[in-house]
Protein backbone atom coordinates (compact mmCIF):
# COMPACT_ATOMS: atom_id res chain seq x y z
CA MET A 1 -3.75 13.95 -12.81
CA GLY A 2 -3.89 14.62 -9.11
CA GLY A 3 -5.08 17.65 -7.24
CA THR A 4 -3.37 20.93 -6.60
CA VAL A 5 -0.92 21.20 -3.72
CA ASP A 6 -0.96 24.17 -1.35
CA ARG A 7 1.81 26.30 -2.82
CA ALA A 8 2.35 28.27 0.36
CA PHE A 9 4.30 25.30 1.76
CA THR A 10 5.95 24.01 -1.40
CA VAL A 11 9.14 25.21 -3.01
CA CYS A 12 11.09 23.91 -5.94
CA ARG A 13 13.62 21.67 -4.24
CA VAL A 14 17.23 21.06 -5.10
CA ARG A 15 19.73 18.92 -3.21
CA VAL A 16 23.14 20.53 -3.17
CA PRO A 17 26.16 19.07 -1.37
CA SER A 18 26.93 20.99 1.80
CA SER A 19 30.36 21.86 0.42
CA LEU A 20 28.69 23.81 -2.39
CA GLN A 21 26.01 25.46 -0.27
CA GLN A 22 28.43 28.16 0.82
CA SER A 23 28.68 29.46 -2.73
CA ASN A 24 26.61 32.55 -3.48
CA ASN A 25 25.91 31.17 -6.96
CA ILE A 26 23.74 28.32 -5.69
CA LYS A 27 20.05 29.00 -5.24
CA MET A 28 18.69 26.42 -2.81
CA ALA A 29 15.03 26.88 -3.64
CA THR A 30 12.66 29.16 -5.48
CA LYS A 31 9.02 29.87 -4.78
CA SER A 32 6.65 27.89 -6.91
CA ILE A 33 4.00 29.41 -9.12
CA ARG A 34 1.89 26.26 -9.29
CA ASN A 35 2.16 22.78 -7.78
CA VAL A 36 0.32 19.65 -8.81
CA LYS A 37 0.33 16.46 -6.77
CA LEU A 38 0.48 13.78 -9.45
CA THR A 39 0.52 10.82 -7.06
CA ASP A 40 1.20 10.29 -3.37
CA SER A 41 4.92 10.34 -4.19
CA LEU A 42 5.25 12.67 -7.23
CA THR A 43 4.77 16.43 -7.44
CA ILE A 44 5.42 18.73 -10.36
CA SER A 45 6.03 22.39 -9.63
CA GLU A 46 6.06 25.29 -12.04
CA CYS A 47 8.66 27.82 -10.92
CA LYS A 48 10.09 30.96 -12.43
CA ASP A 49 13.07 28.98 -13.69
CA GLY A 50 11.09 26.05 -15.15
CA TYR A 51 9.35 22.85 -14.11
CA TRP A 52 10.58 20.69 -11.25
CA LEU A 53 9.46 17.08 -10.79
CA TYR A 54 10.00 15.80 -7.24
CA ASP A 55 9.90 12.15 -6.17
CA TYR A 56 9.18 11.81 -2.44
CA THR A 57 9.98 8.08 -2.54
CA ARG A 58 13.55 8.78 -3.63
CA GLY A 59 13.70 12.13 -1.83
CA MET A 60 15.03 13.88 -4.90
CA ASN A 61 14.20 15.93 -7.95
CA LEU A 62 13.87 13.89 -11.10
CA SER A 63 13.84 17.03 -13.19
CA MET A 64 14.98 20.57 -12.49
CA ARG A 65 14.40 23.70 -14.55
CA ALA A 66 12.78 21.85 -17.47
CA LYS A 67 11.31 24.20 -20.08
CA THR A 68 7.98 22.35 -20.26
CA GLU A 69 6.06 19.79 -18.22
CA THR A 70 6.69 17.27 -20.98
CA ASP A 71 10.44 17.92 -20.78
CA ALA A 72 10.29 17.26 -17.04
CA PHE A 73 8.53 13.93 -17.57
CA VAL A 74 11.00 12.92 -20.30
CA GLU A 75 13.94 13.74 -18.00
CA ALA A 76 12.39 11.60 -15.26
CA ILE A 77 11.73 8.67 -17.58
CA THR A 78 15.26 8.91 -18.98
CA TYR A 79 16.69 8.92 -15.45
CA TYR A 80 14.71 5.79 -14.51
CA GLN A 81 15.66 4.06 -17.78
CA LYS A 82 19.35 4.61 -16.99
CA MET A 83 18.83 3.39 -13.42
CA ALA A 84 16.96 0.28 -14.64
CA LYS A 85 19.74 -0.51 -17.12
CA ARG A 86 22.45 -0.07 -14.47
CA THR A 87 20.50 -2.17 -11.95
CA GLY A 88 19.98 -4.90 -14.56
CA GLU A 89 23.70 -4.97 -15.36
CA GLU A 90 24.60 -5.15 -11.66
CA LEU A 91 22.08 -7.96 -11.16
CA LYS A 92 23.64 -9.95 -14.03
CA LYS A 93 27.10 -9.53 -12.45
CA LEU A 94 25.75 -10.66 -9.09
CA HIS A 95 24.05 -13.73 -10.63
CA LYS A 96 27.30 -14.62 -12.39
CA ALA A 97 29.30 -14.29 -9.16
CA VAL A 98 26.78 -16.46 -7.30
CA ASP A 99 26.89 -19.09 -10.06
CA VAL A 100 30.70 -19.16 -9.93
CA PHE A 101 30.60 -19.53 -6.15
CA ILE A 102 28.02 -22.33 -6.28
CA GLU A 103 30.04 -24.17 -8.92
CA SER A 104 33.22 -23.87 -6.81
CA VAL A 105 31.42 -25.24 -3.75
CA SER A 106 29.86 -28.04 -5.80
CA ASP A 107 33.29 -28.95 -7.23
CA GLU A 108 34.75 -29.13 -3.71
CA ASP A 109 31.93 -31.42 -2.60
CA ASP A 110 32.52 -33.71 -5.60
CA ASP A 111 36.23 -34.00 -4.73
CA ASN A 112 35.43 -35.32 -1.23
């Protein structure tokens, strides 16, 4: 794994819609106990309320308040599996739409 991150500058991050930020029930961030830079774009933080896995590439938490580091990684993998499935389904729909369009253009050319 990567090296330790300076915890003085790192907090456990959570993105909350601005409409919800006014609520007193929402905690925007908590101080971290320990931070580990896993890669240039991934950091896992141990906080009082659990483990937080942050992806700088996406600019979002992949896991929040997980009970263990392993739980945080499983949540992140599950998130990316769902995203990959959804992206694959959308790509299939796009390919089908392109094929239909190409066939309609080809049919028009054959008629002329």
